[in-house]
Amino acid sequence: MNESEALDIAFQAIRATLLVSGPIMVVGLIVGLVIAVFQALTQIQEATLTFVPRILVVFASLLVFLPFMLAVLTDLMQFVMDKVVSLG
């Protein structure tokens, strides 16, 4: 394996990491912003109000995005296995 192939695998791994984690992070960010605006408007400063809805929505979005995440990780594994087979 040369440097070019190693960098290609590393690039694909980083790309897969961003694609898998991105949607969940965006959903968490949006829910956090909505809750922060709600707290600022109502002046309710309850600590559990920030965490519980965000956790529930992140878990729900995990269920929604799970097929996409699985497809991305499967493509990455197929790419890596193709590289391994081509070396041997």
N, C-alpha and C. Protein backbone atom coordinates (compact mmCIF):
# COMPACT_ATOMS: atom_id res chain seq x y z
N MET A 1 0.86 -1.18 0.00
CA MET A 1 0.00 0.00 0.00
C MET A 1 0.90 1.23 0.00
N ASN A 2 0.60 2.13 -0.90
CA ASN A 2 1.39 3.36 -0.96
C ASN A 2 0.65 4.49 -0.23
N GLU A 3 1.27 5.65 -0.21
CA GLU A 3 0.70 6.78 0.53
C GLU A 3 -0.63 7.23 -0.06
N SER A 4 -0.74 7.17 -1.37
CA SER A 4 -1.97 7.60 -2.04
C SER A 4 -3.17 6.74 -1.63
N GLU A 5 -2.97 5.45 -1.57
CA GLU A 5 -4.07 4.55 -1.17
C GLU A 5 -4.42 4.74 0.31
N ALA A 6 -3.41 4.95 1.15
CA ALA A 6 -3.67 5.19 2.58
C ALA A 6 -4.44 6.49 2.78
N LEU A 7 -4.06 7.53 2.05
CA LEU A 7 -4.78 8.80 2.14
C LEU A 7 -6.20 8.68 1.61
N ASP A 8 -6.38 7.88 0.58
CA ASP A 8 -7.72 7.67 0.02
C ASP A 8 -8.62 6.97 1.03
N ILE A 9 -8.09 5.97 1.71
CA ILE A 9 -8.88 5.27 2.74
C ILE A 9 -9.18 6.22 3.90
N ALA A 10 -8.19 7.01 4.32
CA ALA A 10 -8.41 7.96 5.41
C ALA A 10 -9.45 9.00 5.02
N PHE A 11 -9.38 9.49 3.79
CA PHE A 11 -10.38 10.46 3.33
C PHE A 11 -11.78 9.87 3.34
N GLN A 12 -11.93 8.65 2.85
CA GLN A 12 -13.24 8.00 2.84
C GLN A 12 -13.75 7.75 4.26
N ALA A 13 -12.84 7.43 5.18
CA ALA A 13 -13.25 7.20 6.57
C ALA A 13 -13.74 8.50 7.22
N ILE A 14 -13.03 9.59 6.97
CA ILE A 14 -13.44 10.89 7.52
C ILE A 14 -14.76 11.32 6.90
N ARG A 15 -14.90 11.10 5.60
CA ARG A 15 -16.16 11.44 4.91
C ARG A 15 -17.32 10.65 5.50
N ALA A 16 -17.11 9.36 5.73
CA ALA A 16 -18.17 8.53 6.31
C ALA A 16 -18.50 8.99 7.73
N THR A 17 -17.50 9.36 8.49
CA THR A 17 -17.74 9.85 9.86
C THR A 17 -18.60 11.11 9.84
N LEU A 18 -18.30 12.02 8.95
CA LEU A 18 -19.08 13.25 8.85
C LEU A 18 -20.50 12.98 8.36
N LEU A 19 -20.64 12.08 7.40
CA LEU A 19 -21.97 11.76 6.89
C LEU A 19 -22.83 11.04 7.93
N VAL A 20 -22.21 10.21 8.74
CA VAL A 20 -22.97 9.47 9.75
C VAL A 20 -23.35 10.36 10.92
N SER A 21 -22.41 11.20 11.36
CA SER A 21 -22.69 12.02 12.54
C SER A 21 -23.38 13.34 12.22
N GLY A 22 -23.27 13.80 10.99
CA GLY A 22 -23.81 15.11 10.61
C GLY A 22 -25.29 15.31 10.86
N PRO A 23 -26.14 14.41 10.35
CA PRO A 23 -27.58 14.63 10.55
C PRO A 23 -28.00 14.66 12.02
N ILE A 24 -27.39 13.81 12.83
CA ILE A 24 -27.74 13.79 14.25
C ILE A 24 -27.29 15.08 14.93
N MET A 25 -26.10 15.56 14.57
CA MET A 25 -25.61 16.81 15.15
C MET A 25 -26.48 18.00 14.74
N VAL A 26 -26.91 18.02 13.49
CA VAL A 26 -27.76 19.12 13.02
C VAL A 26 -29.10 19.11 13.74
N VAL A 27 -29.68 17.93 13.90
CA VAL A 27 -30.96 17.82 14.62
C VAL A 27 -30.79 18.29 16.07
N GLY A 28 -29.72 17.86 16.73
CA GLY A 28 -29.46 18.29 18.10
C GLY A 28 -29.26 19.79 18.20
N LEU A 29 -28.57 20.36 17.22
CA LEU A 29 -28.36 21.81 17.21
C LEU A 29 -29.66 22.56 17.04
N ILE A 30 -30.49 22.12 16.11
CA ILE A 30 -31.77 22.81 15.86
C ILE A 30 -32.68 22.73 17.08
N VAL A 31 -32.77 21.54 17.69
CA VAL A 31 -33.60 21.39 18.88
C VAL A 31 -33.05 22.25 20.02
N GLY A 32 -31.75 22.29 20.17
CA GLY A 32 -31.14 23.13 21.21
C GLY A 32 -31.45 24.60 21.01
N LEU A 33 -31.38 25.05 19.76
CA LEU A 33 -31.69 26.45 19.48
C LEU A 33 -33.16 26.77 19.74
N VAL A 34 -34.05 25.86 19.35
CA VAL A 34 -35.48 26.08 19.60
C VAL A 34 -35.75 26.15 21.10
N ILE A 35 -35.15 25.27 21.85
CA ILE A 35 -35.36 25.26 23.30
C ILE A 35 -34.77 26.53 23.93
N ALA A 36 -33.61 26.96 23.45
CA ALA A 36 -33.00 28.18 23.99
C ALA A 36 -33.87 29.40 23.71
N VAL A 37 -34.44 29.47 22.51
CA VAL A 37 -35.33 30.59 22.19
C VAL A 37 -36.58 30.53 23.06
N PHE A 38 -37.13 29.33 23.24
CA PHE A 38 -38.31 29.17 24.10
C PHE A 38 -37.99 29.60 25.53
N GLN A 39 -36.84 29.21 26.04
CA GLN A 39 -36.47 29.60 27.40
C GLN A 39 -36.25 31.11 27.51
N ALA A 40 -35.68 31.70 26.47
CA ALA A 40 -35.46 33.14 26.51
C ALA A 40 -36.78 33.91 26.46
N LEU A 41 -37.74 33.38 25.69
CA LEU A 41 -39.03 34.07 25.58
C LEU A 41 -39.86 33.92 26.84
N THR A 42 -39.83 32.76 27.44
CA THR A 42 -40.67 32.51 28.62
C THR A 42 -39.94 32.73 29.93
N GLN A 43 -38.64 32.92 29.90
CA GLN A 43 -37.80 33.10 31.08
C GLN A 43 -37.89 31.91 32.04
N ILE A 44 -38.11 30.73 31.48
CA ILE A 44 -38.08 29.50 32.27
C ILE A 44 -36.65 28.99 32.21
N GLN A 45 -35.99 28.89 33.34
CA GLN A 45 -34.60 28.44 33.37
C GLN A 45 -34.51 27.10 34.09
N GLU A 46 -35.11 26.10 33.51
CA GLU A 46 -35.09 24.75 34.06
C GLU A 46 -34.02 23.93 33.32
N ALA A 47 -33.14 23.28 34.08
CA ALA A 47 -32.03 22.55 33.46
C ALA A 47 -32.51 21.33 32.69
N THR A 48 -33.51 20.64 33.22
CA THR A 48 -33.98 19.43 32.54
C THR A 48 -34.72 19.77 31.25
N LEU A 49 -35.21 20.98 31.13
CA LEU A 49 -35.91 21.39 29.91
C LEU A 49 -34.97 21.41 28.71
N THR A 50 -33.69 21.61 28.95
CA THR A 50 -32.75 21.63 27.83
C THR A 50 -32.30 20.23 27.42
N PHE A 51 -32.23 19.31 28.36
CA PHE A 51 -31.66 18.00 28.05
C PHE A 51 -32.68 16.96 27.59
N VAL A 52 -33.80 16.86 28.26
CA VAL A 52 -34.75 15.79 27.99
C VAL A 52 -35.31 15.86 26.57
N PRO A 53 -35.81 16.99 26.10
CA PRO A 53 -36.31 17.00 24.71
C PRO A 53 -35.21 16.73 23.68
N ARG A 54 -34.03 17.26 23.95
CA ARG A 54 -32.93 17.04 23.00
C ARG A 54 -32.56 15.56 22.93
N ILE A 55 -32.50 14.90 24.05
CA ILE A 55 -32.19 13.46 24.07
C ILE A 55 -33.27 12.67 23.34
N LEU A 56 -34.52 12.99 23.60
CA LEU A 56 -35.61 12.26 22.94
C LEU A 56 -35.59 12.46 21.43
N VAL A 57 -35.36 13.69 20.99
CA VAL A 57 -35.35 13.97 19.56
C VAL A 57 -34.12 13.33 18.89
N VAL A 58 -32.98 13.34 19.57
CA VAL A 58 -31.79 12.71 19.01
C VAL A 58 -32.01 11.20 18.87
N PHE A 59 -32.60 10.56 19.86
CA PHE A 59 -32.89 9.12 19.76
C PHE A 59 -33.88 8.85 18.63
N ALA A 60 -34.89 9.69 18.49
CA ALA A 60 -35.85 9.51 17.41
C ALA A 60 -35.19 9.71 16.04
N SER A 61 -34.31 10.70 15.95
CA SER A 61 -33.62 10.92 14.68
C SER A 61 -32.63 9.79 14.38
N LEU A 62 -32.07 9.17 15.40
CA LEU A 62 -31.24 7.99 15.17
C LEU A 62 -32.05 6.89 14.50
N LEU A 63 -33.27 6.69 14.94
CA LEU A 63 -34.12 5.68 14.32
C LEU A 63 -34.45 6.05 12.87
N VAL A 64 -34.66 7.32 12.62
CA VAL A 64 -35.00 7.77 11.27
C VAL A 64 -33.80 7.66 10.33
N PHE A 65 -32.62 8.07 10.81
CA PHE A 65 -31.44 8.10 9.96
C PHE A 65 -30.64 6.80 9.96
N LEU A 66 -31.08 5.80 10.72
CA LEU A 66 -30.32 4.56 10.81
C LEU A 66 -30.12 3.86 9.46
N PRO A 67 -31.12 3.77 8.59
CA PRO A 67 -30.86 3.15 7.28
C PRO A 67 -29.81 3.89 6.45
N PHE A 68 -29.84 5.22 6.48
CA PHE A 68 -28.84 6.01 5.77
C PHE A 68 -27.45 5.79 6.36
N MET A 69 -27.36 5.78 7.68
CA MET A 69 -26.08 5.58 8.34
C MET A 69 -25.52 4.19 8.02
N LEU A 70 -26.39 3.20 8.02
CA LEU A 70 -25.96 1.85 7.69
C LEU A 70 -25.46 1.76 6.25
N ALA A 71 -26.13 2.44 5.34
CA ALA A 71 -25.70 2.44 3.93
C ALA A 71 -24.33 3.10 3.77
N VAL A 72 -24.10 4.19 4.48
CA VAL A 72 -22.81 4.88 4.38
C VAL A 72 -21.70 3.99 4.94
N LEU A 73 -21.94 3.37 6.08
CA LEU A 73 -20.92 2.50 6.66
C LEU A 73 -20.69 1.25 5.84
N THR A 74 -21.74 0.73 5.23
CA THR A 74 -21.59 -0.43 4.34
C THR A 74 -20.76 -0.07 3.12
N ASP A 75 -21.01 1.10 2.54
CA ASP A 75 -20.22 1.56 1.40
C ASP A 75 -18.75 1.73 1.77
N LEU A 76 -18.50 2.28 2.96
CA LEU A 76 -17.12 2.44 3.42
C LEU A 76 -16.44 1.08 3.57
N MET A 77 -17.14 0.13 4.18
CA MET A 77 -16.55 -1.19 4.37
C MET A 77 -16.30 -1.88 3.04
N GLN A 78 -17.21 -1.71 2.09
CA GLN A 78 -17.02 -2.28 0.76
C GLN A 78 -15.80 -1.66 0.07
N PHE A 79 -15.63 -0.35 0.22
CA PHE A 79 -14.48 0.34 -0.34
C PHE A 79 -13.17 -0.18 0.25
N VAL A 80 -13.15 -0.33 1.58
CA VAL A 80 -11.94 -0.81 2.24
C VAL A 80 -11.65 -2.25 1.84
N MET A 81 -12.67 -3.08 1.76
CA MET A 81 -12.45 -4.47 1.37
C MET A 81 -11.98 -4.58 -0.07
N ASP A 82 -12.46 -3.72 -0.95
CA ASP A 82 -11.98 -3.71 -2.33
C ASP A 82 -10.50 -3.34 -2.38
N LYS A 83 -10.10 -2.38 -1.54
CA LYS A 83 -8.69 -2.01 -1.47
C LYS A 83 -7.84 -3.16 -0.94
N VAL A 84 -8.33 -3.88 0.07
CA VAL A 84 -7.59 -5.00 0.63
C VAL A 84 -7.44 -6.13 -0.38
N VAL A 85 -8.51 -6.41 -1.11
CA VAL A 85 -8.46 -7.47 -2.11
C VAL A 85 -7.52 -7.10 -3.25
N SER A 86 -7.49 -5.84 -3.63
CA SER A 86 -6.62 -5.43 -4.73
C SER A 86 -5.14 -5.50 -4.33
N LEU A 87 -4.86 -5.43 -3.02
CA LEU A 87 -3.47 -5.54 -2.56
C LEU A 87 -2.97 -6.98 -2.63
N GLY A 88 -3.86 -7.93 -2.40
CA GLY A 88 -3.46 -9.32 -2.30
C GLY A 88 -3.40 -10.00 -3.58
